[in-house]
Amino acid sequence: MGTRIAVPASRMGNTAERLADDSIRRIAPQGVLASLLKKLLKLERECSIEKGPFTVFGLFLREEAPNRWDLVVSADWLDRDDRSLLVYLARKMTALLASSERIMVARIAIMSPKDDFIQTVLDSVRIEHGLEQLGQGEFGQVSIERAFVITSLRRTRAKRATRKIR
């Protein structure tokens, strides 16, 4: 599926603290990308507190769209047909990100937790409120060059206890 590399937030953009065995693929994000990822970590936490937990929240670089990242979000409380949720996320991003960071994000993709793409991400990494880098691979039917996943966690719904009436 590709390489998975955890990128500690303390190492983002700080090459002096890189591990000796870091290879070209494992270089911590630097510059605008590092700044963007730090702010997306904050955004994910804020939205989780305000709206509920995410199943997947991450930045994905599609092979056919170089240098244009997709913010992929998935949660039980998100409905891709509910425009108000897209507006909510876009406003939060606009308030938090600098213009140089905003232009890196091509789109916000709201996806169902049942989508093949999301299921592949869930099978690839398990993380919550952190940052893990994924290398090149196929996610569902989509070719991804690189990804930074902030949250990827299967959510189980608690079954309600039902009482039989006699």
N, C-alpha and C. Protein backbone atom coordinates (compact mmCIF):
# COMPACT_ATOMS: atom_id res chain seq x y z
N MET A 1 0.83 -1.19 0.00
CA MET A 1 0.00 0.00 0.00
C MET A 1 0.87 1.24 0.00
N GLY A 2 2.06 1.18 0.45
CA GLY A 2 2.89 2.37 0.52
C GLY A 2 3.47 2.53 1.90
N THR A 3 4.27 3.51 2.06
CA THR A 3 4.98 3.74 3.30
C THR A 3 4.12 4.55 4.25
N ARG A 4 4.13 4.18 5.52
CA ARG A 4 3.47 4.96 6.56
C ARG A 4 4.55 5.46 7.49
N ILE A 5 4.55 6.75 7.72
CA ILE A 5 5.56 7.33 8.57
C ILE A 5 4.89 8.32 9.51
N ALA A 6 5.05 8.11 10.79
CA ALA A 6 4.51 9.05 11.75
C ALA A 6 5.39 10.29 11.75
N VAL A 7 4.78 11.45 11.71
CA VAL A 7 5.52 12.70 11.75
C VAL A 7 5.15 13.42 13.04
N PRO A 8 6.01 13.33 14.07
CA PRO A 8 5.69 14.03 15.31
C PRO A 8 5.58 15.53 15.07
N ALA A 9 4.58 16.15 15.69
CA ALA A 9 4.36 17.58 15.50
C ALA A 9 5.60 18.38 15.87
N SER A 10 6.37 17.90 16.83
CA SER A 10 7.56 18.62 17.26
C SER A 10 8.65 18.63 16.19
N ARG A 11 8.58 17.72 15.21
CA ARG A 11 9.60 17.63 14.16
C ARG A 11 9.16 18.31 12.87
N MET A 12 7.92 18.77 12.80
CA MET A 12 7.43 19.37 11.57
C MET A 12 8.22 20.63 11.27
N GLY A 13 8.89 20.64 10.13
CA GLY A 13 9.62 21.80 9.69
C GLY A 13 10.96 22.01 10.38
N ASN A 14 11.34 21.08 11.26
CA ASN A 14 12.59 21.22 12.00
C ASN A 14 13.54 20.12 11.58
N THR A 15 14.36 20.39 10.56
CA THR A 15 15.25 19.37 10.03
C THR A 15 16.39 19.04 10.97
N ALA A 16 16.68 19.91 11.93
CA ALA A 16 17.77 19.65 12.87
C ALA A 16 17.47 18.45 13.75
N GLU A 17 16.19 18.17 13.98
CA GLU A 17 15.82 17.05 14.83
C GLU A 17 15.45 15.80 14.05
N ARG A 18 15.72 15.80 12.73
CA ARG A 18 15.42 14.62 11.94
C ARG A 18 16.22 13.44 12.42
N LEU A 19 15.62 12.27 12.35
CA LEU A 19 16.33 11.06 12.73
C LEU A 19 17.39 10.74 11.70
N ALA A 20 18.46 10.10 12.14
CA ALA A 20 19.57 9.78 11.25
C ALA A 20 19.14 8.87 10.10
N ASP A 21 18.11 8.03 10.32
CA ASP A 21 17.70 7.11 9.27
C ASP A 21 16.58 7.67 8.39
N ASP A 22 16.22 8.96 8.58
CA ASP A 22 15.21 9.57 7.72
C ASP A 22 15.70 9.56 6.28
N SER A 23 14.86 9.08 5.38
CA SER A 23 15.21 9.09 3.96
C SER A 23 14.45 10.22 3.29
N ILE A 24 14.63 10.35 1.99
CA ILE A 24 13.92 11.38 1.22
C ILE A 24 12.42 11.30 1.47
N ARG A 25 11.86 10.11 1.53
CA ARG A 25 10.42 9.95 1.74
C ARG A 25 9.99 10.35 3.14
N ARG A 26 10.91 10.35 4.08
CA ARG A 26 10.56 10.58 5.47
C ARG A 26 10.87 11.99 5.95
N ILE A 27 11.19 12.87 5.06
CA ILE A 27 11.51 14.23 5.46
C ILE A 27 10.24 14.87 6.03
N ALA A 28 10.40 15.48 7.19
CA ALA A 28 9.28 16.16 7.82
C ALA A 28 8.85 17.34 6.94
N PRO A 29 7.56 17.61 6.89
CA PRO A 29 7.08 18.74 6.09
C PRO A 29 7.74 20.04 6.55
N GLN A 30 7.98 20.92 5.60
CA GLN A 30 8.61 22.19 5.91
C GLN A 30 7.83 23.33 5.28
N GLY A 31 8.13 24.53 5.72
CA GLY A 31 7.56 25.73 5.13
C GLY A 31 6.05 25.81 5.26
N VAL A 32 5.42 26.19 4.15
CA VAL A 32 3.97 26.41 4.14
C VAL A 32 3.21 25.12 4.46
N LEU A 33 3.68 23.98 3.96
CA LEU A 33 3.01 22.71 4.23
C LEU A 33 3.03 22.39 5.73
N ALA A 34 4.15 22.61 6.39
CA ALA A 34 4.24 22.37 7.83
C ALA A 34 3.27 23.27 8.59
N SER A 35 3.21 24.52 8.19
CA SER A 35 2.30 25.48 8.82
C SER A 35 0.84 25.07 8.59
N LEU A 36 0.54 24.67 7.36
CA LEU A 36 -0.81 24.21 7.02
C LEU A 36 -1.21 23.02 7.88
N LEU A 37 -0.33 22.05 8.02
CA LEU A 37 -0.64 20.85 8.80
C LEU A 37 -0.86 21.18 10.27
N LYS A 38 -0.06 22.06 10.84
CA LYS A 38 -0.26 22.46 12.24
C LYS A 38 -1.63 23.08 12.44
N LYS A 39 -2.02 23.91 11.49
CA LYS A 39 -3.33 24.57 11.60
C LYS A 39 -4.48 23.59 11.37
N LEU A 40 -4.27 22.62 10.48
CA LEU A 40 -5.32 21.60 10.27
C LEU A 40 -5.48 20.71 11.50
N LEU A 41 -4.39 20.46 12.20
CA LEU A 41 -4.49 19.72 13.48
C LEU A 41 -5.41 20.48 14.44
N LYS A 42 -5.21 21.78 14.52
CA LYS A 42 -6.04 22.62 15.39
C LYS A 42 -7.50 22.62 14.91
N LEU A 43 -7.69 22.75 13.61
CA LEU A 43 -9.03 22.76 13.02
C LEU A 43 -9.77 21.45 13.33
N GLU A 44 -9.07 20.33 13.16
CA GLU A 44 -9.70 19.02 13.41
C GLU A 44 -10.14 18.92 14.86
N ARG A 45 -9.31 19.34 15.79
CA ARG A 45 -9.67 19.30 17.21
C ARG A 45 -10.87 20.19 17.51
N GLU A 46 -10.85 21.41 17.00
CA GLU A 46 -11.95 22.35 17.24
C GLU A 46 -13.27 21.80 16.71
N CYS A 47 -13.26 21.31 15.48
CA CYS A 47 -14.48 20.77 14.88
C CYS A 47 -14.96 19.53 15.62
N SER A 48 -14.03 18.70 16.09
CA SER A 48 -14.40 17.51 16.86
C SER A 48 -15.13 17.89 18.14
N ILE A 49 -14.65 18.93 18.78
CA ILE A 49 -15.28 19.39 20.03
C ILE A 49 -16.65 20.00 19.73
N GLU A 50 -16.73 20.81 18.68
CA GLU A 50 -17.97 21.52 18.37
C GLU A 50 -19.04 20.62 17.76
N LYS A 51 -18.64 19.68 16.89
CA LYS A 51 -19.62 18.90 16.12
C LYS A 51 -19.64 17.42 16.45
N GLY A 52 -18.50 16.86 16.81
CA GLY A 52 -18.41 15.43 17.06
C GLY A 52 -17.16 14.86 16.41
N PRO A 53 -16.83 13.61 16.74
CA PRO A 53 -15.58 13.02 16.25
C PRO A 53 -15.61 12.71 14.75
N PHE A 54 -14.43 12.75 14.15
CA PHE A 54 -14.27 12.40 12.75
C PHE A 54 -13.90 10.92 12.63
N THR A 55 -14.31 10.32 11.54
CA THR A 55 -13.83 8.99 11.18
C THR A 55 -12.49 9.14 10.48
N VAL A 56 -12.43 10.05 9.51
CA VAL A 56 -11.18 10.37 8.80
C VAL A 56 -11.12 11.88 8.62
N PHE A 57 -9.92 12.42 8.84
CA PHE A 57 -9.63 13.84 8.58
C PHE A 57 -8.19 13.88 8.12
N GLY A 58 -7.96 14.28 6.88
CA GLY A 58 -6.59 14.29 6.38
C GLY A 58 -6.43 15.04 5.08
N LEU A 59 -5.19 15.30 4.75
CA LEU A 59 -4.81 16.02 3.55
C LEU A 59 -4.23 15.01 2.56
N PHE A 60 -4.82 14.94 1.36
CA PHE A 60 -4.43 13.94 0.37
C PHE A 60 -4.03 14.63 -0.93
N LEU A 61 -2.90 14.19 -1.49
CA LEU A 61 -2.40 14.70 -2.75
C LEU A 61 -2.64 13.65 -3.82
N ARG A 62 -3.59 13.92 -4.70
CA ARG A 62 -3.89 12.97 -5.78
C ARG A 62 -2.80 13.04 -6.83
N GLU A 63 -2.49 11.90 -7.43
CA GLU A 63 -1.43 11.85 -8.46
C GLU A 63 -1.75 12.74 -9.64
N GLU A 64 -3.02 12.85 -10.02
CA GLU A 64 -3.37 13.64 -11.20
C GLU A 64 -3.54 15.13 -10.88
N ALA A 65 -3.33 15.52 -9.63
CA ALA A 65 -3.46 16.94 -9.24
C ALA A 65 -2.24 17.38 -8.44
N PRO A 66 -1.09 17.50 -9.09
CA PRO A 66 0.13 17.86 -8.37
C PRO A 66 0.01 19.22 -7.67
N ASN A 67 0.52 19.25 -6.45
CA ASN A 67 0.56 20.46 -5.63
C ASN A 67 -0.81 21.01 -5.26
N ARG A 68 -1.86 20.23 -5.44
CA ARG A 68 -3.22 20.64 -5.06
C ARG A 68 -3.79 19.57 -4.13
N TRP A 69 -3.82 19.87 -2.86
CA TRP A 69 -4.23 18.91 -1.84
C TRP A 69 -5.74 18.92 -1.66
N ASP A 70 -6.29 17.76 -1.32
CA ASP A 70 -7.70 17.64 -0.95
C ASP A 70 -7.78 17.44 0.55
N LEU A 71 -8.61 18.22 1.21
CA LEU A 71 -8.91 17.97 2.62
C LEU A 71 -10.07 16.99 2.62
N VAL A 72 -9.81 15.77 3.04
CA VAL A 72 -10.83 14.72 3.07
C VAL A 72 -11.34 14.59 4.49
N VAL A 73 -12.66 14.71 4.65
CA VAL A 73 -13.28 14.60 5.96
C VAL A 73 -14.42 13.60 5.89
N SER A 74 -14.54 12.83 6.94
CA SER A 74 -15.60 11.84 7.03
C SER A 74 -16.01 11.69 8.49
N ALA A 75 -17.30 11.68 8.71
CA ALA A 75 -17.84 11.51 10.07
C ALA A 75 -19.31 11.14 9.95
N ASP A 76 -19.82 10.49 10.98
CA ASP A 76 -21.24 10.15 10.97
C ASP A 76 -22.12 11.40 10.93
N TRP A 77 -21.64 12.48 11.52
CA TRP A 77 -22.44 13.71 11.57
C TRP A 77 -22.36 14.55 10.30
N LEU A 78 -21.46 14.18 9.38
CA LEU A 78 -21.33 14.91 8.11
C LEU A 78 -22.23 14.31 7.04
N ASP A 79 -22.90 15.17 6.31
CA ASP A 79 -23.72 14.74 5.18
C ASP A 79 -23.24 15.52 3.96
N ARG A 80 -22.73 14.80 2.96
CA ARG A 80 -22.15 15.48 1.81
C ARG A 80 -23.15 16.32 1.04
N ASP A 81 -24.44 16.09 1.25
CA ASP A 81 -25.47 16.88 0.58
C ASP A 81 -25.91 18.09 1.39
N ASP A 82 -25.42 18.21 2.61
CA ASP A 82 -25.78 19.33 3.48
C ASP A 82 -24.76 20.46 3.27
N ARG A 83 -25.13 21.42 2.48
CA ARG A 83 -24.22 22.53 2.14
C ARG A 83 -23.77 23.31 3.37
N SER A 84 -24.60 23.38 4.39
CA SER A 84 -24.24 24.15 5.58
C SER A 84 -23.01 23.57 6.28
N LEU A 85 -22.81 22.27 6.20
CA LEU A 85 -21.63 21.66 6.81
C LEU A 85 -20.36 22.00 6.03
N LEU A 86 -20.48 22.05 4.71
CA LEU A 86 -19.35 22.45 3.88
C LEU A 86 -19.00 23.92 4.15
N VAL A 87 -20.01 24.76 4.26
CA VAL A 87 -19.80 26.18 4.58
C VAL A 87 -19.16 26.32 5.96
N TYR A 88 -19.61 25.53 6.91
CA TYR A 88 -19.04 25.54 8.27
C TYR A 88 -17.53 25.25 8.21
N LEU A 89 -17.16 24.18 7.52
CA LEU A 89 -15.74 23.80 7.42
C LEU A 89 -14.94 24.85 6.65
N ALA A 90 -15.50 25.37 5.57
CA ALA A 90 -14.79 26.37 4.77
C ALA A 90 -14.57 27.65 5.56
N ARG A 91 -15.55 28.08 6.32
CA ARG A 91 -15.40 29.29 7.14
C ARG A 91 -14.35 29.09 8.23
N LYS A 92 -14.36 27.93 8.85
CA LYS A 92 -13.36 27.63 9.89
C LYS A 92 -11.96 27.65 9.27
N MET A 93 -11.82 27.06 8.09
CA MET A 93 -10.52 27.04 7.42
C MET A 93 -10.07 28.45 7.04
N THR A 94 -10.98 29.23 6.48
CA THR A 94 -10.65 30.59 6.05
C THR A 94 -10.18 31.44 7.23
N ALA A 95 -10.82 31.27 8.37
CA ALA A 95 -10.45 32.04 9.55
C ALA A 95 -9.09 31.63 10.11
N LEU A 96 -8.73 30.40 9.90
CA LEU A 96 -7.51 29.85 10.50
C LEU A 96 -6.28 29.92 9.60
N LEU A 97 -6.48 29.75 8.29
CA LEU A 97 -5.35 29.63 7.37
C LEU A 97 -4.97 30.95 6.71
N ALA A 98 -3.68 31.09 6.47
CA ALA A 98 -3.18 32.22 5.67
C ALA A 98 -3.50 31.95 4.20
N SER A 99 -3.49 32.99 3.38
CA SER A 99 -3.83 32.81 1.97
C SER A 99 -2.86 31.84 1.28
N SER A 100 -1.58 31.86 1.65
CA SER A 100 -0.60 30.94 1.05
C SER A 100 -0.91 29.49 1.40
N GLU A 101 -1.57 29.26 2.53
CA GLU A 101 -1.96 27.91 2.94
C GLU A 101 -3.27 27.51 2.26
N ARG A 102 -4.21 28.46 2.17
CA ARG A 102 -5.51 28.17 1.56
C ARG A 102 -5.38 27.76 0.10
N ILE A 103 -4.45 28.38 -0.63
CA ILE A 103 -4.34 28.06 -2.05
C ILE A 103 -3.76 26.66 -2.28
N MET A 104 -3.19 26.06 -1.26
CA MET A 104 -2.68 24.69 -1.39
C MET A 104 -3.80 23.66 -1.37
N VAL A 105 -4.95 24.04 -0.79
CA VAL A 105 -6.08 23.12 -0.66
C VAL A 105 -7.03 23.34 -1.82
N ALA A 106 -7.12 22.33 -2.69
CA ALA A 106 -7.97 22.42 -3.88
C ALA A 106 -9.45 22.33 -3.53
N ARG A 107 -9.76 21.47 -2.56
CA ARG A 107 -11.17 21.27 -2.22
C ARG A 107 -11.29 20.59 -0.87
N ILE A 108 -12.49 20.70 -0.32
CA ILE A 108 -12.87 19.94 0.87
C ILE A 108 -13.78 18.83 0.36
N ALA A 109 -13.37 17.59 0.57
CA ALA A 109 -14.15 16.44 0.11
C ALA A 109 -14.82 15.79 1.32
N ILE A 110 -16.14 15.92 1.41
CA ILE A 110 -16.91 15.27 2.46
C ILE A 110 -17.31 13.89 1.94
N MET A 111 -16.91 12.86 2.69
CA MET A 111 -17.15 11.49 2.24
C MET A 111 -17.84 10.68 3.34
N SER A 112 -18.64 9.74 2.91
CA SER A 112 -19.31 8.84 3.85
C SER A 112 -18.30 7.89 4.48
N PRO A 113 -18.48 7.57 5.77
CA PRO A 113 -17.60 6.58 6.40
C PRO A 113 -17.64 5.22 5.70
N LYS A 114 -18.66 4.97 4.90
CA LYS A 114 -18.79 3.69 4.20
C LYS A 114 -18.11 3.69 2.83
N ASP A 115 -17.65 4.84 2.37
CA ASP A 115 -17.00 4.96 1.07
C ASP A 115 -15.75 4.09 1.01
N ASP A 116 -15.48 3.50 -0.16
CA ASP A 116 -14.29 2.64 -0.34
C ASP A 116 -13.00 3.37 -0.02
N PHE A 117 -12.91 4.62 -0.44
CA PHE A 117 -11.71 5.43 -0.16
C PHE A 117 -11.48 5.51 1.35
N ILE A 118 -12.53 5.85 2.09
CA ILE A 118 -12.43 5.99 3.55
C ILE A 118 -12.09 4.64 4.19
N GLN A 119 -12.70 3.58 3.72
CA GLN A 119 -12.42 2.25 4.27
C GLN A 119 -10.95 1.87 4.07
N THR A 120 -10.38 2.23 2.91
CA THR A 120 -8.97 1.94 2.66
C THR A 120 -8.08 2.74 3.61
N VAL A 121 -8.43 4.00 3.84
CA VAL A 121 -7.66 4.82 4.79
C VAL A 121 -7.73 4.19 6.18
N LEU A 122 -8.92 3.78 6.58
CA LEU A 122 -9.10 3.17 7.90
C LEU A 122 -8.30 1.87 8.04
N ASP A 123 -8.18 1.14 6.94
CA ASP A 123 -7.39 -0.09 6.96
C ASP A 123 -5.89 0.19 7.00
N SER A 124 -5.49 1.39 6.56
CA SER A 124 -4.07 1.73 6.43
C SER A 124 -3.46 2.34 7.69
N VAL A 125 -4.25 3.08 8.44
CA VAL A 125 -3.70 3.81 9.58
C VAL A 125 -4.75 3.99 10.66
N ARG A 126 -4.30 3.98 11.91
CA ARG A 126 -5.19 4.24 13.05
C ARG A 126 -4.53 5.34 13.88
N ILE A 127 -5.17 6.49 13.93
CA ILE A 127 -4.62 7.65 14.64
C ILE A 127 -5.77 8.59 14.98
N GLU A 128 -5.64 9.32 16.07
CA GLU A 128 -6.63 10.33 16.42
C GLU A 128 -5.92 11.56 16.95
N HIS A 129 -6.21 12.72 16.37
CA HIS A 129 -5.64 14.01 16.76
C HIS A 129 -4.11 14.00 16.69
N GLY A 130 -3.57 13.30 15.71
CA GLY A 130 -2.12 13.24 15.53
C GLY A 130 -1.78 13.53 14.08
N LEU A 131 -0.66 13.00 13.64
CA LEU A 131 -0.27 13.20 12.25
C LEU A 131 0.54 12.02 11.78
N GLU A 132 0.05 11.37 10.74
CA GLU A 132 0.78 10.26 10.16
C GLU A 132 0.84 10.45 8.65
N GLN A 133 2.02 10.29 8.11
CA GLN A 133 2.24 10.45 6.67
C GLN A 133 2.08 9.10 5.98
N LEU A 134 1.37 9.10 4.87
CA LEU A 134 1.23 7.91 4.04
C LEU A 134 1.87 8.20 2.69
N GLY A 135 2.54 7.20 2.15
CA GLY A 135 3.17 7.34 0.85
C GLY A 135 2.23 6.97 -0.26
N GLN A 136 2.76 6.84 -1.44
CA GLN A 136 2.01 6.57 -2.66
C GLN A 136 1.22 5.27 -2.52
N GLY A 137 -0.02 5.29 -3.02
CA GLY A 137 -0.84 4.09 -2.98
C GLY A 137 -2.21 4.31 -3.58
N GLU A 138 -2.96 3.23 -3.65
CA GLU A 138 -4.33 3.25 -4.14
C GLU A 138 -5.26 3.25 -2.94
N PHE A 139 -6.16 4.21 -2.90
CA PHE A 139 -7.15 4.31 -1.84
C PHE A 139 -8.51 4.22 -2.52
N GLY A 140 -9.16 3.07 -2.38
CA GLY A 140 -10.36 2.83 -3.17
C GLY A 140 -9.94 2.80 -4.63
N GLN A 141 -10.50 3.66 -5.43
CA GLN A 141 -10.16 3.76 -6.86
C GLN A 141 -9.29 4.99 -7.15
N VAL A 142 -8.75 5.63 -6.11
CA VAL A 142 -8.02 6.88 -6.26
C VAL A 142 -6.53 6.67 -6.02
N SER A 143 -5.70 7.15 -6.95
CA SER A 143 -4.25 7.08 -6.80
C SER A 143 -3.76 8.29 -6.02
N ILE A 144 -3.14 8.03 -4.89
CA ILE A 144 -2.65 9.08 -4.01
C ILE A 144 -1.13 9.08 -4.04
N GLU A 145 -0.55 10.27 -4.21
CA GLU A 145 0.90 10.41 -4.21
C GLU A 145 1.44 10.48 -2.78
N ARG A 146 0.70 11.19 -1.92
CA ARG A 146 1.14 11.42 -0.55
C ARG A 146 -0.05 11.87 0.27
N ALA A 147 -0.04 11.56 1.56
CA ALA A 147 -1.13 11.99 2.42
C ALA A 147 -0.62 12.25 3.83
N PHE A 148 -1.31 13.13 4.52
CA PHE A 148 -1.08 13.38 5.93
C PHE A 148 -2.42 13.18 6.63
N VAL A 149 -2.50 12.14 7.44
CA VAL A 149 -3.74 11.79 8.11
C VAL A 149 -3.67 12.27 9.55
N ILE A 150 -4.68 13.03 9.96
CA ILE A 150 -4.76 13.57 11.32
C ILE A 150 -5.61 12.64 12.18
N THR A 151 -6.70 12.16 11.63
CA THR A 151 -7.55 11.19 12.32
C THR A 151 -7.99 10.13 11.35
N SER A 152 -7.89 8.89 11.78
CA SER A 152 -8.40 7.73 11.04
C SER A 152 -8.77 6.70 12.09
N LEU A 153 -10.03 6.68 12.43
CA LEU A 153 -10.46 5.83 13.54
C LEU A 153 -11.88 5.33 13.29
N ARG A 154 -12.01 4.02 13.28
CA ARG A 154 -13.35 3.44 13.12
C ARG A 154 -14.18 3.78 14.35
N ARG A 155 -15.36 4.23 14.09
CA ARG A 155 -16.28 4.60 15.18
C ARG A 155 -17.34 3.52 15.28
N THR A 156 -17.56 3.02 16.48
CA THR A 156 -18.61 2.03 16.68
C THR A 156 -19.75 2.71 17.41
N ARG A 157 -20.89 2.47 16.92
CA ARG A 157 -22.07 3.04 17.56
C ARG A 157 -22.50 2.12 18.68
N ALA A 158 -22.74 2.70 19.82
CA ALA A 158 -23.20 1.91 20.97
C ALA A 158 -24.63 1.46 20.69
N LYS A 159 -24.86 0.19 20.92
CA LYS A 159 -26.21 -0.34 20.72
C LYS A 159 -27.06 0.05 21.91
N ARG A 160 -28.26 0.51 21.60
CA ARG A 160 -29.17 0.87 22.67
C ARG A 160 -29.74 -0.39 23.31
N ALA A 161 -29.81 -0.34 24.60
CA ALA A 161 -30.44 -1.46 25.31
C ALA A 161 -31.95 -1.35 25.10
N THR A 162 -32.54 -2.44 24.69
CA THR A 162 -33.98 -2.43 24.49
C THR A 162 -34.62 -3.29 25.57
N ARG A 163 -35.73 -2.83 26.00
CA ARG A 163 -36.42 -3.52 27.07
C ARG A 163 -37.72 -4.11 26.53
N LYS A 164 -37.93 -5.36 26.84
CA LYS A 164 -39.18 -5.99 26.41
C LYS A 164 -40.28 -5.61 27.37
N ILE A 165 -41.40 -5.23 26.80
CA ILE A 165 -42.56 -4.90 27.63
C ILE A 165 -43.44 -6.13 27.71
N ARG A 166 -43.78 -6.47 28.94
CA ARG A 166 -44.61 -7.67 29.13
C ARG A 166 -46.04 -7.32 29.36
